[in-house]
Protein backbone atom coordinates (compact mmCIF):
# COMPACT_ATOMS: atom_id res chain seq x y z
CA MET A 1 213.11 135.40 12.55
CA THR A 2 211.65 138.80 13.41
CA ARG A 3 209.73 140.92 10.95
CA VAL A 4 211.81 143.47 9.08
CA THR A 5 210.85 146.97 10.21
CA GLY A 6 212.15 150.45 9.70
CA ALA A 7 211.28 154.01 8.82
CA ALA A 8 210.67 153.22 5.15
CA PRO A 9 207.06 152.40 4.18
CA ARG A 10 206.18 148.88 3.18
CA ARG A 11 206.54 148.30 -0.58
CA LEU A 12 204.90 145.16 -1.96
CA LEU A 13 205.35 145.91 -5.67
CA PRO A 14 208.99 144.77 -5.99
CA PHE A 15 208.28 141.43 -4.29
CA VAL A 16 205.04 140.84 -6.23
CA ALA A 17 206.70 141.77 -9.55
CA LEU A 18 209.63 139.48 -8.76
CA GLU A 19 207.26 136.59 -8.11
CA VAL A 20 205.27 137.29 -11.29
CA SER A 21 208.56 137.15 -13.19
CA ALA A 22 209.39 133.83 -11.51
CA LEU A 23 205.89 132.53 -12.27
CA THR A 24 205.97 133.32 -15.99
CA SER A 25 209.58 132.24 -16.50
CA GLY A 26 209.02 129.02 -14.56
CA MET A 27 205.90 128.16 -16.52
CA GLY A 28 207.72 128.84 -19.78
CA ASN A 29 210.60 126.59 -18.77
CA GLY A 30 208.13 123.92 -17.66
CA VAL A 31 206.53 123.80 -21.11
CA VAL A 32 209.98 123.68 -22.73
CA MET A 33 211.04 120.89 -20.37
CA VAL A 34 208.51 118.47 -21.83
CA ALA A 35 208.19 119.87 -25.37
CA PHE A 36 211.83 119.60 -26.47
CA PRO A 37 212.34 115.92 -25.49
CA TRP A 38 208.95 115.13 -27.02
CA LEU A 39 209.95 116.79 -30.30
CA ALA A 40 213.23 114.84 -30.24
CA LEU A 41 211.28 111.60 -29.84
CA GLU A 42 208.95 112.59 -32.69
CA LEU A 43 211.85 113.46 -35.00
CA THR A 44 214.00 110.40 -34.28
CA GLY A 45 211.77 107.79 -32.61
CA SER A 46 214.66 107.10 -30.23
CA PRO A 47 214.86 107.69 -26.46
CA THR A 48 218.63 107.60 -26.85
CA ALA A 49 218.45 110.62 -29.14
CA ALA A 50 216.31 112.46 -26.60
CA GLY A 51 218.86 111.64 -23.90
CA VAL A 52 221.73 112.78 -26.12
CA MET A 53 219.96 116.08 -26.78
CA SER A 54 219.49 116.65 -23.05
CA ALA A 55 223.14 115.78 -22.39
CA ILE A 56 224.42 118.05 -25.17
CA THR A 57 222.25 120.84 -23.79
CA ALA A 58 223.55 120.22 -20.27
CA LEU A 59 227.25 120.52 -21.19
CA PRO A 60 227.25 124.22 -22.18
CA LEU A 61 224.66 124.72 -19.47
CA LEU A 62 227.27 123.75 -16.88
CA VAL A 63 229.64 126.46 -18.16
CA SER A 64 226.80 128.96 -17.98
CA LEU A 65 225.92 127.81 -14.46
CA VAL A 66 229.46 128.36 -13.20
CA PHE A 67 229.74 131.88 -14.62
CA SER A 68 226.12 133.03 -14.26
CA GLY A 69 226.66 134.27 -10.71
CA VAL A 70 229.67 136.34 -11.75
CA GLY A 71 227.62 137.83 -14.58
CA VAL A 72 224.88 138.78 -12.15
CA ASP A 73 227.38 140.47 -9.82
CA MET A 74 229.17 142.26 -12.67
CA PHE A 75 226.33 143.42 -14.94
CA GLY A 76 223.40 143.87 -12.56
CA ARG A 77 220.67 141.57 -11.33
CA ARG A 78 217.65 143.05 -13.11
CA ARG A 79 219.46 143.47 -16.45
CA VAL A 80 220.64 139.85 -16.41
CA ALA A 81 217.16 138.52 -15.54
CA ILE A 82 215.56 140.48 -18.41
CA GLY A 83 218.30 139.42 -20.84
CA ALA A 84 217.89 135.75 -19.93
CA ASP A 85 214.14 135.80 -20.60
CA ALA A 86 214.67 137.67 -23.87
CA ILE A 87 217.10 135.04 -25.19
CA SER A 88 214.78 132.22 -24.07
CA LEU A 89 211.95 133.96 -25.93
CA VAL A 90 213.96 134.00 -29.16
CA ALA A 91 215.01 130.34 -28.79
CA VAL A 92 211.50 128.93 -28.31
CA ALA A 93 209.82 131.18 -30.89
CA LEU A 94 212.33 130.06 -33.54
CA VAL A 95 211.15 126.42 -33.25
CA PRO A 96 207.68 126.92 -34.80
CA VAL A 97 208.93 129.70 -37.11
CA LEU A 98 211.75 127.60 -38.58
CA GLY A 99 209.49 124.56 -38.58
CA MET A 100 207.11 126.41 -40.92
CA LEU A 101 209.83 127.94 -43.10
CA VAL A 102 212.45 125.22 -43.56
CA GLY A 103 211.29 122.23 -41.52
CA LEU A 104 212.61 121.16 -38.14
CA SER A 105 215.57 118.78 -37.88
CA PHE A 106 217.18 117.12 -34.87
CA PRO A 107 220.46 119.16 -35.06
CA LEU A 108 218.45 122.38 -35.32
CA LEU A 109 216.34 121.37 -32.33
CA VAL A 110 219.49 120.67 -30.30
CA LEU A 111 220.94 124.08 -31.24
CA LEU A 112 217.81 125.93 -30.14
CA SER A 113 217.62 123.84 -26.96
CA VAL A 114 221.17 124.89 -26.09
CA LEU A 115 220.44 128.55 -26.84
CA GLY A 116 217.42 128.60 -24.55
CA ALA A 117 218.86 126.53 -21.72
CA VAL A 118 222.26 128.18 -21.49
CA VAL A 119 220.78 131.45 -20.14
CA ASP A 120 218.31 129.91 -17.65
CA PRO A 121 220.76 129.75 -14.72
CA ALA A 122 221.53 133.46 -15.02
CA GLY A 123 217.85 134.33 -14.76
CA ILE A 124 217.30 132.03 -11.77
CA THR A 125 220.39 133.36 -10.03
CA ALA A 126 219.47 136.99 -10.65
CA ARG A 127 215.97 136.59 -9.20
CA GLU A 128 217.18 134.74 -6.10
CA ALA A 129 219.91 137.36 -5.55
CA MET A 130 217.26 140.11 -5.48
CA LEU A 131 214.98 138.25 -3.07
CA PRO A 132 216.41 139.50 0.27
CA GLU A 133 215.99 143.16 -0.74
CA ALA A 134 212.52 142.54 -2.19
CA ALA A 135 211.53 140.78 1.05
CA GLY A 136 212.96 143.68 3.05
CA ALA A 137 210.92 146.20 1.04
CA ALA A 138 207.80 144.11 1.76
CA GLN A 139 208.83 143.84 5.45
CA MET A 140 208.66 140.05 5.21
CA PRO A 141 210.90 137.51 7.03
CA LEU A 142 213.50 136.11 4.64
CA GLN A 143 212.66 132.46 5.31
CA ARG A 144 208.99 133.09 4.54
CA ALA A 145 209.88 135.01 1.37
CA ASN A 146 212.03 132.09 0.25
CA GLY A 147 209.16 129.71 0.90
CA ILE A 148 206.77 131.78 -1.21
CA HIS A 149 209.39 132.15 -3.96
CA GLU A 150 210.03 128.42 -4.13
CA ALA A 151 206.30 127.65 -4.05
CA VAL A 152 205.77 129.98 -6.99
CA TRP A 153 208.73 128.53 -8.91
CA SER A 154 207.78 124.90 -8.21
CA ALA A 155 204.17 125.46 -9.17
CA ALA A 156 205.13 127.40 -12.27
CA THR A 157 207.68 124.90 -13.57
CA LEU A 158 205.67 121.77 -13.00
CA VAL A 159 202.26 123.19 -13.87
CA GLY A 160 203.89 124.59 -16.99
CA ALA A 161 205.12 121.10 -17.76
CA GLY A 162 201.61 119.78 -17.20
CA VAL A 163 200.12 122.39 -19.51
CA GLY A 164 202.83 121.50 -22.00
CA GLY A 165 201.88 117.83 -21.82
CA PHE A 166 198.24 118.61 -22.58
CA ALA A 167 199.22 121.03 -25.36
CA LEU A 168 201.41 118.38 -27.00
CA ALA A 169 198.41 116.12 -27.30
CA GLU A 170 196.07 118.86 -28.56
CA ILE A 171 198.10 121.13 -30.86
CA GLY A 172 201.41 119.31 -31.49
CA GLY A 173 204.99 119.88 -30.45
CA GLU A 174 205.99 122.88 -32.58
CA ARG A 175 202.92 125.02 -31.91
CA THR A 176 203.11 124.24 -28.19
CA LEU A 177 206.22 126.43 -28.02
CA TRP A 178 204.20 129.58 -28.71
CA LEU A 179 203.00 129.23 -25.09
CA PRO A 180 206.41 129.78 -23.45
CA ALA A 181 207.19 132.58 -25.92
CA GLY A 182 204.23 134.57 -24.61
CA LEU A 183 205.10 133.77 -21.00
CA PHE A 184 208.66 135.05 -21.41
CA VAL A 185 207.28 138.37 -22.72
CA LEU A 186 205.18 138.75 -19.55
CA GLY A 187 208.22 137.91 -17.42
CA ILE A 188 210.29 140.66 -19.01
CA VAL A 189 207.58 143.24 -18.31
CA ALA A 190 207.26 142.14 -14.67
CA MET A 191 211.02 142.18 -14.06
CA ALA A 192 211.24 145.79 -15.26
CA LEU A 193 209.14 146.73 -12.19
CA VAL A 194 211.56 145.20 -9.65
CA THR A 195 213.35 148.24 -8.27
CA VAL A 196 215.21 147.43 -5.04
CA PRO A 197 218.73 148.23 -3.79
CA GLY A 198 221.30 146.14 -5.65
CA SER A 199 219.01 145.32 -8.58
CA GLY A 200 220.32 147.95 -10.97
CA ARG A 201 223.64 148.58 -12.67
CA PRO A 202 226.66 148.00 -10.38
CA ALA A 203 228.63 151.02 -9.22
CA THR A 204 231.87 149.73 -10.77
CA ARG A 205 232.39 149.18 -14.49
CA PRO A 206 232.27 145.45 -15.40
CA ASP A 207 235.67 143.94 -16.13
CA VAL A 208 235.34 140.57 -17.86
CA ARG A 209 238.97 139.83 -17.07
CA GLN A 210 237.90 139.39 -13.45
CA ALA A 211 235.28 136.75 -14.27
CA TRP A 212 237.57 133.78 -13.63
CA PRO A 213 239.25 135.10 -10.43
CA GLN A 214 235.87 136.05 -8.99
CA THR A 215 234.45 132.63 -9.87
CA VAL A 216 237.38 130.94 -8.13
CA ALA A 217 236.78 133.10 -5.06
CA GLY A 218 233.15 132.00 -5.03
CA VAL A 219 234.10 128.32 -5.35
CA ARG A 220 236.54 128.65 -2.44
CA PHE A 221 233.89 130.31 -0.28
CA VAL A 222 231.32 127.54 -0.96
CA TRP A 223 233.88 124.77 -0.42
CA ARG A 224 235.09 126.21 2.89
CA GLU A 225 231.56 126.72 4.23
CA PRO A 226 230.59 123.27 5.60
CA VAL A 227 226.81 123.54 5.27
CA LEU A 228 226.90 124.93 1.74
CA ARG A 229 229.48 122.33 0.68
CA ALA A 230 227.33 119.46 1.97
CA ILE A 231 224.13 120.80 0.41
CA ALA A 232 225.90 121.35 -2.91
CA LEU A 233 227.32 117.83 -3.10
CA LEU A 234 224.07 116.16 -2.07
CA GLY A 235 222.13 118.24 -4.55
CA ALA A 236 224.51 117.31 -7.38
CA VAL A 237 224.09 113.56 -6.96
CA VAL A 238 220.38 113.41 -6.07
CA VAL A 239 219.25 115.77 -8.81
CA GLY A 240 221.60 114.03 -11.24
CA PHE A 241 219.56 110.85 -10.80
CA TRP A 242 216.20 112.64 -10.86
CA LEU A 243 216.65 114.78 -14.00
CA PRO A 244 216.65 111.83 -16.46
CA ILE A 245 213.51 110.45 -14.78
CA GLU A 246 211.71 113.74 -15.26
CA GLY A 247 213.08 114.60 -18.69
CA ILE A 248 213.44 111.21 -20.45
CA VAL A 249 211.97 108.26 -18.52
CA LEU A 250 208.48 109.66 -17.90
CA PRO A 251 207.98 111.05 -21.45
CA THR A 252 209.24 107.76 -22.93
CA TYR A 253 206.99 105.65 -20.70
CA PHE A 254 203.84 107.65 -21.47
CA GLN A 255 204.66 107.77 -25.16
CA ASP A 256 205.11 103.97 -25.18
CA ILE A 257 201.64 103.49 -23.73
CA GLY A 258 200.17 106.16 -26.04
CA ARG A 259 198.99 108.46 -23.23
CA PRO A 260 200.70 111.88 -23.42
CA ASP A 261 197.79 113.31 -21.42
CA LEU A 262 198.84 111.20 -18.42
CA LEU A 263 202.28 112.80 -18.58
CA GLY A 264 200.56 116.13 -18.14
CA VAL A 265 198.56 114.83 -15.17
CA THR A 266 201.71 113.41 -13.58
CA VAL A 267 203.72 116.61 -13.71
CA VAL A 268 200.75 118.65 -12.51
CA VAL A 269 200.38 116.40 -9.46
CA LEU A 270 204.12 116.62 -8.78
CA GLY A 271 203.78 120.38 -9.01
CA VAL A 272 200.77 120.52 -6.70
CA GLY A 273 202.65 118.40 -4.17
CA ALA A 274 205.70 120.67 -4.33
CA VAL A 275 203.54 123.74 -3.82
CA VAL A 276 201.70 122.19 -0.87
CA GLY A 277 205.00 121.15 0.73
CA THR A 278 206.52 124.58 0.21
CA LEU A 279 203.48 126.41 1.56
CA ALA A 280 203.50 124.11 4.59
CA PHE A 281 207.09 125.24 5.10
CA VAL A 282 205.96 128.87 4.87
CA ALA A 283 203.36 128.22 7.58
CA PHE A 284 205.29 125.94 9.94
CA GLY A 285 208.92 125.68 8.80
CA GLN A 286 210.28 128.42 11.02
CA ARG A 287 209.25 126.40 14.09
CA LEU A 288 211.15 123.24 13.08
CA PRO A 289 214.88 122.39 13.26
CA ARG A 290 216.36 122.95 9.82
CA ARG A 291 218.54 119.83 9.68
CA ALA A 292 215.75 117.47 10.74
CA LEU A 293 213.41 118.99 8.17
CA TYR A 294 216.04 118.79 5.40
CA VAL A 295 216.96 115.17 6.09
CA SER A 296 213.39 113.95 6.44
CA SER A 297 212.32 115.78 3.29
CA MET A 298 215.11 114.16 1.29
CA THR A 299 214.46 110.67 2.62
CA VAL A 300 210.66 110.62 2.27
CA SER A 301 210.72 112.08 -1.23
CA GLY A 302 213.33 109.51 -2.32
CA ALA A 303 211.22 106.65 -0.97
CA ALA A 304 208.17 107.97 -2.85
CA VAL A 305 210.14 108.02 -6.11
CA VAL A 306 210.99 104.33 -5.63
CA GLY A 307 207.27 103.64 -5.19
CA MET A 308 206.55 105.49 -8.45
CA ALA A 309 209.16 103.38 -10.24
CA LEU A 310 207.27 100.20 -9.32
CA VAL A 311 204.55 101.54 -11.68
CA PRO A 312 201.50 100.72 -9.52
CA PRO A 313 197.97 101.43 -10.80
CA PHE A 314 197.74 105.02 -11.96
CA PRO A 315 195.74 106.42 -8.98
CA ILE A 316 198.36 105.01 -6.57
CA PHE A 317 201.12 106.31 -8.86
CA LEU A 318 199.61 109.79 -8.63
CA GLY A 319 199.41 109.51 -4.83
CA LEU A 320 203.12 108.75 -4.71
CA CYS A 321 203.81 111.69 -7.04
CA LEU A 322 201.91 113.91 -4.62
CA LEU A 323 203.87 112.55 -1.65
CA ALA A 324 207.20 113.05 -3.44
CA GLY A 325 206.31 116.66 -4.23
CA VAL A 326 205.04 117.48 -0.73
CA ALA A 327 208.09 115.95 0.93
CA TYR A 328 210.56 117.73 -1.34
CA GLY A 329 208.80 121.10 -1.07
CA PRO A 330 210.79 122.48 1.90
CA ILE A 331 214.20 121.74 0.32
CA GLY A 332 214.27 124.78 -1.97
CA PRO A 333 213.47 127.47 0.61
CA LEU A 334 215.76 125.83 3.17
CA VAL A 335 218.70 125.85 0.76
CA ASN A 336 217.97 129.41 -0.41
CA THR A 337 217.85 130.72 3.15
CA GLU A 338 221.16 129.05 4.01
CA MET A 339 222.80 130.59 0.91
CA GLN A 340 221.46 134.08 1.53
CA GLU A 341 222.34 134.08 5.24
CA ARG A 342 225.86 132.73 4.80
CA ALA A 343 227.03 134.58 1.67
CA PRO A 344 228.31 138.18 1.79
CA ASN A 345 226.17 140.60 -0.23
CA GLU A 346 228.91 141.39 -2.75
CA MET A 347 229.39 137.65 -3.40
CA ARG A 348 225.73 136.61 -3.31
CA GLY A 349 225.31 136.21 -7.06
CA ARG A 350 228.35 133.95 -7.32
CA VAL A 351 227.35 131.79 -4.38
CA VAL A 352 223.77 131.38 -5.60
CA GLY A 353 224.99 130.67 -9.14
CA LEU A 354 227.47 128.05 -7.99
CA MET A 355 224.91 126.35 -5.76
CA VAL A 356 222.44 126.22 -8.65
CA ALA A 357 225.26 124.86 -10.83
CA THR A 358 225.97 121.95 -8.53
CA ASP A 359 222.34 120.82 -8.83
CA GLN A 360 223.02 120.16 -12.50
CA LEU A 361 226.47 118.56 -12.30
CA GLY A 362 225.24 114.98 -12.52
CA GLY A 363 222.91 115.69 -15.42
CA PRO A 364 225.27 115.23 -18.42
CA LEU A 365 226.54 111.82 -17.30
CA THR A 366 223.15 110.38 -16.42
CA TYR A 367 221.53 111.84 -19.54
CA PHE A 368 224.10 110.03 -21.68
CA LEU A 369 223.46 106.78 -19.79
CA ILE A 370 219.68 106.81 -19.64
CA GLY A 371 219.01 106.22 -23.36
CA PRO A 372 221.16 103.08 -23.65
CA LEU A 373 219.79 101.92 -20.28
CA ILE A 374 216.20 102.18 -21.55
CA THR A 375 217.14 100.44 -24.80
CA ALA A 376 218.90 97.58 -22.99
CA LEU A 377 216.56 96.98 -20.05
CA GLY A 378 213.29 98.68 -20.91
CA VAL A 379 211.85 101.89 -19.57
CA THR A 380 210.37 100.45 -16.33
CA SER A 381 213.63 98.75 -15.30
CA ALA A 382 215.58 101.92 -16.06
CA PHE A 383 213.05 103.87 -13.99
CA LEU A 384 213.56 101.57 -11.00
CA ILE A 385 217.37 101.76 -11.19
CA MET A 386 217.36 105.56 -11.29
CA ALA A 387 214.76 105.76 -8.50
CA CYS A 388 216.86 103.52 -6.23
CA GLY A 389 219.76 105.88 -6.87
CA VAL A 390 217.63 108.84 -5.80
CA PHE A 391 216.59 107.10 -2.58
CA ALA A 392 220.04 105.81 -1.60
CA LEU A 393 221.65 109.22 -2.07
CA SER A 394 218.81 111.02 -0.29
CA LEU A 395 219.14 108.65 2.67
CA SER A 396 222.87 109.44 2.90
CA ALA A 397 221.95 112.93 4.19
CA VAL A 398 221.28 111.29 7.58
CA PHE A 399 225.00 110.60 7.99
CA VAL A 400 226.44 113.99 6.89
CA ARG A 401 227.73 115.58 10.09
CA SER A 402 228.22 119.09 8.73
CA LEU A 403 224.46 119.43 8.19
CA ARG A 404 224.11 119.73 11.98
CA GLN A 405 225.36 123.31 11.58
CA MET A 406 222.13 124.21 9.78
CA ASP A 407 220.65 124.73 13.25
CA SER A 408 223.49 127.00 14.38
CA PRO A 409 222.96 130.78 14.43
């Protein structure tokens, strides 16, 4: 892809501010990702309860995912991103505040988890919808901008989870949530500096009555576009098997062995691997066929997850975590580039929102299953079953014919 040029001077501030917003929001969500299940385990002593909380959170999250893209298109990309971080800030800050005032209970924790999670897709969608214009202002190729954006997001989310794991061991679950509260404040400030075409208030007055028809139009577009349809379906099933591993299985395993610090190390290594893989894509990805890179990334990362589930000695386990992260690194920027190139500008928010939504479709079902599975078979057996699911579904990408169009102009 050629460098974007034109009469306008190069402006780096919008792109840098957008990535700072992604960094702080991702780190905040990473801390929340490990802190809320950990608090559920502390309050109830039951991995089933932690799984139920994640499933209950995921159900309204799916509704938000479906309509987040329409909200971005209707109300403006920057306004939605700022609003999402503001609501997340309130949700996480209320945990330690209410814990001090009235004491934290499991139903209250679930309610705050839902409040914080339900707005996350809107923020993610809004930032990704602004990326092409921010890259254009910086005169940066879109595929490279997507690689940098995904590297920042991957590093932020997983390093945030690692920091959260260490903080849980040092200061406890409730006080750990002051960390994401501060990060969300920084994200709001950074997002206010992202001024690019299409980021502000839309020219037409929002009409909420059009939310459903516009969502349907977005679903039809994604379904009729072969590459996006295939990526969406594969993402739904693979991520559906991975989410319970990340959110329930690993915290339960490390809590059982009394080593929450090793949970932090694990997610940091996963994050480092994802960043390395994404940066390798930034450096070399434009020279490689997209389909071959997508299929190989899916397959190798799935195989590494199976190796993790065999629970080898911890240094080998960390090596497999690193391999899984490196292999999966190119997936995000590849998928983003396909979405942004294939979706019309006026429909970009809806398409991005729907594609993000499909990544979470399998979550509620597998979250409900993982607790009873751990109780019945033990955490290591449950880990192996879920990992085999990840690998089998990742390997199926080899046989999806429509993915061959990823290499078409």
